[in-house]
Amino acid sequence: MQWVSCICLATSHHCALNCHLSLFAEADCDDRSRVIAEASKHNLSREETDLIEATLNNLFAIDKLLHLLKSRNKRLNLLERRLR
């Protein structure tokens, strides 16, 4: 029974983290897209292109983390069902 409560706790923490990451990714993407749209109205400097590259790298990393969290959530749910 102790294992089930540990799995439930891990699942709830995972869900909270997933929710926060989703909100962060959406808000960050909206903010960055406005900055990029404004910057694209003129020739971009080297610093601006570096900022765009860093932003894209961050968004890809967040997307990868979200996929990993979803995969882990599926495994935790499966393990929880097996333990019950």
PDB file of N, CA and C in Angstrom:
ATOM      1  N   MET A   1       0.824  -1.199   0.000  1.00  0.00           N
ATOM      2  CA  MET A   1       0.000   0.000   0.000  1.00  0.00           C
ATOM      3  C   MET A   1       0.860   1.250   0.000  1.00  0.00           C
ATOM      4  N   GLN A   2       2.035   1.153   0.630  1.00  0.00           N
ATOM      5  CA  GLN A   2       2.942   2.296   0.677  1.00  0.00           C
ATOM      6  C   GLN A   2       3.399   2.680  -0.730  1.00  0.00           C
ATOM      7  N   TRP A   3       3.639   1.678  -1.594  1.00  0.00           N
ATOM      8  CA  TRP A   3       4.085   1.958  -2.955  1.00  0.00           C
ATOM      9  C   TRP A   3       3.025   2.712  -3.738  1.00  0.00           C
ATOM     10  N   VAL A   4       1.778   2.352  -3.531  1.00  0.00           N
ATOM     11  CA  VAL A   4       0.689   3.018  -4.241  1.00  0.00           C
ATOM     12  C   VAL A   4       0.618   4.483  -3.846  1.00  0.00           C
ATOM     13  N   SER A   5       0.770   4.785  -2.563  1.00  0.00           N
ATOM     14  CA  SER A   5       0.719   6.187  -2.140  1.00  0.00           C
ATOM     15  C   SER A   5       1.906   6.961  -2.696  1.00  0.00           C
ATOM     16  N   CYS A   6       3.075   6.323  -2.787  1.00  0.00           N
ATOM     17  CA  CYS A   6       4.245   6.988  -3.379  1.00  0.00           C
ATOM     18  C   CYS A   6       4.017   7.273  -4.856  1.00  0.00           C
ATOM     19  N   ILE A   7       3.422   6.316  -5.559  1.00  0.00           N
ATOM     20  CA  ILE A   7       3.137   6.498  -6.981  1.00  0.00           C
ATOM     21  C   ILE A   7       2.115   7.611  -7.167  1.00  0.00           C
ATOM     22  N   CYS A   8       1.089   7.639  -6.327  1.00  0.00           N
ATOM     23  CA  CYS A   8       0.071   8.692  -6.419  1.00  0.00           C
ATOM     24  C   CYS A   8       0.696  10.059  -6.174  1.00  0.00           C
ATOM     25  N   LEU A   9       1.579  10.163  -5.209  1.00  0.00           N
ATOM     26  CA  LEU A   9       2.256  11.419  -4.913  1.00  0.00           C
ATOM     27  C   LEU A   9       3.126  11.849  -6.089  1.00  0.00           C
ATOM     28  N   ALA A  10       3.863  10.908  -6.664  1.00  0.00           N
ATOM     29  CA  ALA A  10       4.715  11.220  -7.816  1.00  0.00           C
ATOM     30  C   ALA A  10       3.870  11.666  -9.003  1.00  0.00           C
ATOM     31  N   THR A  11       2.736  11.019  -9.197  1.00  0.00           N
ATOM     32  CA  THR A  11       1.846  11.380 -10.301  1.00  0.00           C
ATOM     33  C   THR A  11       1.283  12.779 -10.109  1.00  0.00           C
ATOM     34  N   SER A  12       0.898  13.117  -8.888  1.00  0.00           N
ATOM     35  CA  SER A  12       0.343  14.456  -8.650  1.00  0.00           C
ATOM     36  C   SER A  12       1.405  15.540  -8.846  1.00  0.00           C
ATOM     37  N   HIS A  13       2.632  15.280  -8.400  1.00  0.00           N
ATOM     38  CA  HIS A  13       3.715  16.244  -8.635  1.00  0.00           C
ATOM     39  C   HIS A  13       4.000  16.376 -10.123  1.00  0.00           C
ATOM     40  N   HIS A  14       3.961  15.253 -10.818  1.00  0.00           N
ATOM     41  CA  HIS A  14       4.196  15.254 -12.254  1.00  0.00           C
ATOM     42  C   HIS A  14       3.132  16.078 -12.968  1.00  0.00           C
ATOM     43  N   CYS A  15       1.876  15.906 -12.599  1.00  0.00           N
ATOM     44  CA  CYS A  15       0.779  16.642 -13.232  1.00  0.00           C
ATOM     45  C   CYS A  15       0.916  18.145 -12.987  1.00  0.00           C
ATOM     46  N   ALA A  16       1.302  18.511 -11.778  1.00  0.00           N
ATOM     47  CA  ALA A  16       1.487  19.931 -11.467  1.00  0.00           C
ATOM     48  C   ALA A  16       2.623  20.522 -12.297  1.00  0.00           C
ATOM     49  N   LEU A  17       3.723  19.806 -12.411  1.00  0.00           N
ATOM     50  CA  LEU A  17       4.858  20.271 -13.204  1.00  0.00           C
ATOM     51  C   LEU A  17       4.473  20.384 -14.674  1.00  0.00           C
ATOM     52  N   ASN A  18       3.751  19.419 -15.165  1.00  0.00           N
ATOM     53  CA  ASN A  18       3.305  19.436 -16.556  1.00  0.00           C
ATOM     54  C   ASN A  18       2.421  20.646 -16.822  1.00  0.00           C
ATOM     55  N   CYS A  19       1.528  20.959 -15.902  1.00  0.00           N
ATOM     56  CA  CYS A  19       0.639  22.111 -16.038  1.00  0.00           C
ATOM     57  C   CYS A  19       1.438  23.410 -16.073  1.00  0.00           C
ATOM     58  N   HIS A  20       2.381  23.552 -15.138  1.00  0.00           N
ATOM     59  CA  HIS A  20       3.208  24.768 -15.091  1.00  0.00           C
ATOM     60  C   HIS A  20       4.030  24.920 -16.357  1.00  0.00           C
ATOM     61  N   LEU A  21       4.598  23.834 -16.852  1.00  0.00           N
ATOM     62  CA  LEU A  21       5.398  23.903 -18.078  1.00  0.00           C
ATOM     63  C   LEU A  21       4.543  24.280 -19.278  1.00  0.00           C
ATOM     64  N   SER A  22       3.345  23.750 -19.343  1.00  0.00           N
ATOM     65  CA  SER A  22       2.457  24.078 -20.456  1.00  0.00           C
ATOM     66  C   SER A  22       2.112  25.555 -20.451  1.00  0.00           C
ATOM     67  N   LEU A  23       1.791  26.084 -19.276  1.00  0.00           N
ATOM     68  CA  LEU A  23       1.471  27.509 -19.172  1.00  0.00           C
ATOM     69  C   LEU A  23       2.678  28.370 -19.518  1.00  0.00           C
ATOM     70  N   PHE A  24       3.856  27.983 -19.029  1.00  0.00           N
ATOM     71  CA  PHE A  24       5.071  28.730 -19.326  1.00  0.00           C
ATOM     72  C   PHE A  24       5.354  28.729 -20.814  1.00  0.00           C
ATOM     73  N   ALA A  25       5.236  27.566 -21.446  1.00  0.00           N
ATOM     74  CA  ALA A  25       5.536  27.451 -22.873  1.00  0.00           C
ATOM     75  C   ALA A  25       4.593  28.325 -23.699  1.00  0.00           C
ATOM     76  N   GLU A  26       3.307  28.324 -23.358  1.00  0.00           N
ATOM     77  CA  GLU A  26       2.342  29.140 -24.099  1.00  0.00           C
ATOM     78  C   GLU A  26       2.616  30.628 -23.922  1.00  0.00           C
ATOM     79  N   ALA A  27       2.833  31.057 -22.685  1.00  0.00           N
ATOM     80  CA  ALA A  27       3.091  32.476 -22.421  1.00  0.00           C
ATOM     81  C   ALA A  27       4.401  32.921 -23.057  1.00  0.00           C
ATOM     82  N   ASP A  28       5.434  32.092 -22.930  1.00  0.00           N
ATOM     83  CA  ASP A  28       6.734  32.431 -23.495  1.00  0.00           C
ATOM     84  C   ASP A  28       6.655  32.500 -25.013  1.00  0.00           C
ATOM     85  N   CYS A  29       5.947  31.585 -25.604  1.00  0.00           N
ATOM     86  CA  CYS A  29       5.813  31.555 -27.057  1.00  0.00           C
ATOM     87  C   CYS A  29       5.088  32.806 -27.554  1.00  0.00           C
ATOM     88  N   ASP A  30       4.032  33.212 -26.868  1.00  0.00           N
ATOM     89  CA  ASP A  30       3.296  34.418 -27.253  1.00  0.00           C
ATOM     90  C   ASP A  30       4.180  35.656 -27.157  1.00  0.00           C
ATOM     91  N   ASP A  31       4.904  35.786 -26.050  1.00  0.00           N
ATOM     92  CA  ASP A  31       5.782  36.939 -25.865  1.00  0.00           C
ATOM     93  C   ASP A  31       6.872  36.976 -26.928  1.00  0.00           C
ATOM     94  N   ARG A  32       7.503  35.847 -27.143  1.00  0.00           N
ATOM     95  CA  ARG A  32       8.600  35.792 -28.120  1.00  0.00           C
ATOM     96  C   ARG A  32       8.097  36.038 -29.535  1.00  0.00           C
ATOM     97  N   SER A  33       6.931  35.539 -29.872  1.00  0.00           N
ATOM     98  CA  SER A  33       6.428  35.740 -31.230  1.00  0.00           C
ATOM     99  C   SER A  33       6.146  37.210 -31.500  1.00  0.00           C
ATOM    100  N   ARG A  34       5.695  37.945 -30.483  1.00  0.00           N
ATOM    101  CA  ARG A  34       5.490  39.391 -30.655  1.00  0.00           C
ATOM    102  C   ARG A  34       6.818  40.105 -30.880  1.00  0.00           C
ATOM    103  N   VAL A  35       7.829  39.740 -30.104  1.00  0.00           N
ATOM    104  CA  VAL A  35       9.144  40.353 -30.251  1.00  0.00           C
ATOM    105  C   VAL A  35       9.726  40.045 -31.629  1.00  0.00           C
ATOM    106  N   ILE A  36       9.597  38.802 -32.059  1.00  0.00           N
ATOM    107  CA  ILE A  36      10.140  38.393 -33.354  1.00  0.00           C
ATOM    108  C   ILE A  36       9.385  39.074 -34.494  1.00  0.00           C
ATOM    109  N   ALA A  37       8.069  39.172 -34.370  1.00  0.00           N
ATOM    110  CA  ALA A  37       7.288  39.836 -35.416  1.00  0.00           C
ATOM    111  C   ALA A  37       7.691  41.302 -35.542  1.00  0.00           C
ATOM    112  N   GLU A  38       7.904  41.962 -34.426  1.00  0.00           N
ATOM    113  CA  GLU A  38       8.326  43.371 -34.452  1.00  0.00           C
ATOM    114  C   GLU A  38       9.724  43.506 -35.037  1.00  0.00           C
ATOM    115  N   ALA A  39      10.602  42.602 -34.666  1.00  0.00           N
ATOM    116  CA  ALA A  39      11.985  42.663 -35.144  1.00  0.00           C
ATOM    117  C   ALA A  39      12.090  42.328 -36.627  1.00  0.00           C
ATOM    118  N   SER A  40      11.180  41.512 -37.128  1.00  0.00           N
ATOM    119  CA  SER A  40      11.268  41.094 -38.529  1.00  0.00           C
ATOM    120  C   SER A  40      10.824  42.172 -39.501  1.00  0.00           C
ATOM    121  N   LYS A  41      10.362  43.293 -38.994  1.00  0.00           N
ATOM    122  CA  LYS A  41       9.959  44.388 -39.868  1.00  0.00           C
ATOM    123  C   LYS A  41      11.160  45.158 -40.406  1.00  0.00           C
ATOM    124  N   HIS A  42      12.325  44.881 -39.896  1.00  0.00           N
ATOM    125  CA  HIS A  42      13.551  45.524 -40.386  1.00  0.00           C
ATOM    126  C   HIS A  42      14.659  44.482 -40.465  1.00  0.00           C
ATOM    127  N   ASN A  43      15.783  44.867 -41.023  1.00  0.00           N
ATOM    128  CA  ASN A  43      16.916  43.939 -41.108  1.00  0.00           C
ATOM    129  C   ASN A  43      17.390  43.574 -39.709  1.00  0.00           C
ATOM    130  N   LEU A  44      17.607  42.297 -39.495  1.00  0.00           N
ATOM    131  CA  LEU A  44      17.980  41.819 -38.167  1.00  0.00           C
ATOM    132  C   LEU A  44      19.482  41.944 -37.944  1.00  0.00           C
ATOM    133  N   SER A  45      19.833  42.368 -36.745  1.00  0.00           N
ATOM    134  CA  SER A  45      21.242  42.439 -36.369  1.00  0.00           C
ATOM    135  C   SER A  45      21.710  41.051 -35.929  1.00  0.00           C
ATOM    136  N   ARG A  46      22.996  40.920 -35.731  1.00  0.00           N
ATOM    137  CA  ARG A  46      23.562  39.646 -35.276  1.00  0.00           C
ATOM    138  C   ARG A  46      22.999  39.277 -33.900  1.00  0.00           C
ATOM    139  N   GLU A  47      22.836  40.257 -33.023  1.00  0.00           N
ATOM    140  CA  GLU A  47      22.303  40.004 -31.682  1.00  0.00           C
ATOM    141  C   GLU A  47      20.859  39.528 -31.743  1.00  0.00           C
ATOM    142  N   GLU A  48      20.082  40.107 -32.653  1.00  0.00           N
ATOM    143  CA  GLU A  48      18.679  39.702 -32.779  1.00  0.00           C
ATOM    144  C   GLU A  48      18.558  38.273 -33.314  1.00  0.00           C
ATOM    145  N   THR A  49      19.390  37.928 -34.279  1.00  0.00           N
ATOM    146  CA  THR A  49      19.345  36.549 -34.785  1.00  0.00           C
ATOM    147  C   THR A  49      19.816  35.567 -33.718  1.00  0.00           C
ATOM    148  N   ASP A  50      20.773  35.981 -32.890  1.00  0.00           N
ATOM    149  CA  ASP A  50      21.207  35.123 -31.779  1.00  0.00           C
ATOM    150  C   ASP A  50      20.071  34.927 -30.784  1.00  0.00           C
ATOM    151  N   LEU A  51      19.312  35.989 -30.518  1.00  0.00           N
ATOM    152  CA  LEU A  51      18.166  35.893 -29.614  1.00  0.00           C
ATOM    153  C   LEU A  51      17.115  34.942 -30.173  1.00  0.00           C
ATOM    154  N   ILE A  52      16.862  35.039 -31.464  1.00  0.00           N
ATOM    155  CA  ILE A  52      15.884  34.148 -32.093  1.00  0.00           C
ATOM    156  C   ILE A  52      16.352  32.702 -32.008  1.00  0.00           C
ATOM    157  N   GLU A  53      17.631  32.478 -32.264  1.00  0.00           N
ATOM    158  CA  GLU A  53      18.172  31.121 -32.172  1.00  0.00           C
ATOM    159  C   GLU A  53      18.061  30.572 -30.752  1.00  0.00           C
ATOM    160  N   ALA A  54      18.393  31.400 -29.758  1.00  0.00           N
ATOM    161  CA  ALA A  54      18.299  30.958 -28.359  1.00  0.00           C
ATOM    162  C   ALA A  54      16.848  30.660 -27.984  1.00  0.00           C
ATOM    163  N   THR A  55      15.940  31.487 -28.468  1.00  0.00           N
ATOM    164  CA  THR A  55      14.516  31.278 -28.192  1.00  0.00           C
ATOM    165  C   THR A  55      14.035  29.960 -28.776  1.00  0.00           C
ATOM    166  N   LEU A  56      14.393  29.701 -30.008  1.00  0.00           N
ATOM    167  CA  LEU A  56      13.981  28.445 -30.641  1.00  0.00           C
ATOM    168  C   LEU A  56      14.574  27.245 -29.922  1.00  0.00           C
ATOM    169  N   ASN A  57      15.830  27.349 -29.519  1.00  0.00           N
ATOM    170  CA  ASN A  57      16.448  26.250 -28.768  1.00  0.00           C
ATOM    171  C   ASN A  57      15.705  26.006 -27.454  1.00  0.00           C
ATOM    172  N   ASN A  58      15.317  27.084 -26.767  1.00  0.00           N
ATOM    173  CA  ASN A  58      14.570  26.948 -25.515  1.00  0.00           C
ATOM    174  C   ASN A  58      13.205  26.307 -25.752  1.00  0.00           C
ATOM    175  N   LEU A  59      12.526  26.730 -26.797  1.00  0.00           N
ATOM    176  CA  LEU A  59      11.204  26.168 -27.091  1.00  0.00           C
ATOM    177  C   LEU A  59      11.300  24.691 -27.455  1.00  0.00           C
ATOM    178  N   PHE A  60      12.321  24.312 -28.217  1.00  0.00           N
ATOM    179  CA  PHE A  60      12.507  22.896 -28.533  1.00  0.00           C
ATOM    180  C   PHE A  60      12.811  22.091 -27.274  1.00  0.00           C
ATOM    181  N   ALA A  61      13.610  22.658 -26.370  1.00  0.00           N
ATOM    182  CA  ALA A  61      13.929  21.957 -25.120  1.00  0.00           C
ATOM    183  C   ALA A  61      12.675  21.787 -24.259  1.00  0.00           C
ATOM    184  N   ILE A  62      11.856  22.822 -24.179  1.00  0.00           N
ATOM    185  CA  ILE A  62      10.607  22.734 -23.409  1.00  0.00           C
ATOM    186  C   ILE A  62       9.677  21.703 -24.030  1.00  0.00           C
ATOM    187  N   ASP A  63       9.590  21.695 -25.360  1.00  0.00           N
ATOM    188  CA  ASP A  63       8.743  20.712 -26.038  1.00  0.00           C
ATOM    189  C   ASP A  63       9.224  19.296 -25.761  1.00  0.00           C
ATOM    190  N   LYS A  64      10.526  19.091 -25.810  1.00  0.00           N
ATOM    191  CA  LYS A  64      11.075  17.764 -25.518  1.00  0.00           C
ATOM    192  C   LYS A  64      10.769  17.358 -24.076  1.00  0.00           C
ATOM    193  N   LEU A  65      10.914  18.310 -23.139  1.00  0.00           N
ATOM    194  CA  LEU A  65      10.613  18.029 -21.740  1.00  0.00           C
ATOM    195  C   LEU A  65       9.142  17.674 -21.551  1.00  0.00           C
ATOM    196  N   LEU A  66       8.250  18.373 -22.232  1.00  0.00           N
ATOM    197  CA  LEU A  66       6.825  18.052 -22.138  1.00  0.00           C
ATOM    198  C   LEU A  66       6.541  16.642 -22.658  1.00  0.00           C
ATOM    199  N   HIS A  67       7.181  16.265 -23.758  1.00  0.00           N
ATOM    200  CA  HIS A  67       6.984  14.906 -24.280  1.00  0.00           C
ATOM    201  C   HIS A  67       7.503  13.862 -23.295  1.00  0.00           C
ATOM    202  N   LEU A  68       8.652  14.139 -22.682  1.00  0.00           N
ATOM    203  CA  LEU A  68       9.197  13.207 -21.694  1.00  0.00           C
ATOM    204  C   LEU A  68       8.287  13.103 -20.475  1.00  0.00           C
ATOM    205  N   LEU A  69       7.721  14.232 -20.044  1.00  0.00           N
ATOM    206  CA  LEU A  69       6.807  14.205 -18.902  1.00  0.00           C
ATOM    207  C   LEU A  69       5.538  13.415 -19.224  1.00  0.00           C
ATOM    208  N   LYS A  70       5.028  13.573 -20.429  1.00  0.00           N
ATOM    209  CA  LYS A  70       3.836  12.811 -20.817  1.00  0.00           C
ATOM    210  C   LYS A  70       4.132  11.319 -20.845  1.00  0.00           C
ATOM    211  N   SER A  71       5.298  10.973 -21.358  1.00  0.00           N
ATOM    212  CA  SER A  71       5.688   9.563 -21.392  1.00  0.00           C
ATOM    213  C   SER A  71       5.825   9.007 -19.976  1.00  0.00           C
ATOM    214  N   ARG A  72       6.441   9.779 -19.108  1.00  0.00           N
ATOM    215  CA  ARG A  72       6.604   9.328 -17.716  1.00  0.00           C
ATOM    216  C   ARG A  72       5.254   9.213 -17.026  1.00  0.00           C
ATOM    217  N   ASN A  73       4.355  10.131 -17.325  1.00  0.00           N
ATOM    218  CA  ASN A  73       3.022  10.083 -16.732  1.00  0.00           C
ATOM    219  C   ASN A  73       2.303   8.795 -17.131  1.00  0.00           C
ATOM    220  N   LYS A  74       2.431   8.393 -18.384  1.00  0.00           N
ATOM    221  CA  LYS A  74       1.807   7.144 -18.828  1.00  0.00           C
ATOM    222  C   LYS A  74       2.384   5.957 -18.074  1.00  0.00           C
ATOM    223  N   ARG A  75       3.717   5.947 -17.904  1.00  0.00           N
ATOM    224  CA  ARG A  75       4.347   4.840 -17.179  1.00  0.00           C
ATOM    225  C   ARG A  75       3.929   4.824 -15.719  1.00  0.00           C
ATOM    226  N   LEU A  76       3.844   6.009 -15.090  1.00  0.00           N
ATOM    227  CA  LEU A  76       3.419   6.066 -13.686  1.00  0.00           C
ATOM    228  C   LEU A  76       1.980   5.597 -13.521  1.00  0.00           C
ATOM    229  N   ASN A  77       1.124   5.993 -14.438  1.00  0.00           N
ATOM    230  CA  ASN A  77      -0.274   5.547 -14.375  1.00  0.00           C
ATOM    231  C   ASN A  77      -0.378   4.037 -14.532  1.00  0.00           C
ATOM    232  N   LEU A  78       0.400   3.490 -15.435  1.00  0.00           N
ATOM    233  CA  LEU A  78       0.412   2.046 -15.634  1.00  0.00           C
ATOM    234  C   LEU A  78       0.913   1.328 -14.385  1.00  0.00           C
ATOM    235  N   LEU A  79       1.982   1.829 -13.813  1.00  0.00           N
ATOM    236  CA  LEU A  79       2.534   1.237 -12.591  1.00  0.00           C
ATOM    237  C   LEU A  79       1.538   1.329 -11.433  1.00  0.00           C
ATOM    238  N   GLU A  80       0.861   2.463 -11.339  1.00  0.00           N
ATOM    239  CA  GLU A  80      -0.148   2.627 -10.277  1.00  0.00           C
ATOM    240  C   GLU A  80      -1.266   1.605 -10.434  1.00  0.00           C
ATOM    241  N   ARG A  81      -1.724   1.394 -11.664  1.00  0.00           N
ATOM    242  CA  ARG A  81      -2.788   0.405 -11.904  1.00  0.00           C
ATOM    243  C   ARG A  81      -2.309  -1.000 -11.578  1.00  0.00           C
ATOM    244  N   ARG A  82      -1.063  -1.314 -11.907  1.00  0.00           N
ATOM    245  CA  ARG A  82      -0.528  -2.649 -11.615  1.00  0.00           C
ATOM    246  C   ARG A  82      -0.404  -2.897 -10.119  1.00  0.00           C
ATOM    247  N   LEU A  83      -0.037  -1.858  -9.369  1.00  0.00           N
ATOM    248  CA  LEU A  83       0.124  -2.015  -7.933  1.00  0.00           C
ATOM    249  C   LEU A  83      -1.200  -2.150  -7.203  1.00  0.00           C
ATOM    250  N   ARG A  84      -2.250  -1.646  -7.775  1.00  0.00           N
ATOM    251  CA  ARG A  84      -3.555  -1.774  -7.129  1.00  0.00           C
ATOM    252  C   ARG A  84      -4.082  -3.140  -7.439  1.00  0.00           C
TER     253      ARG A  84
END
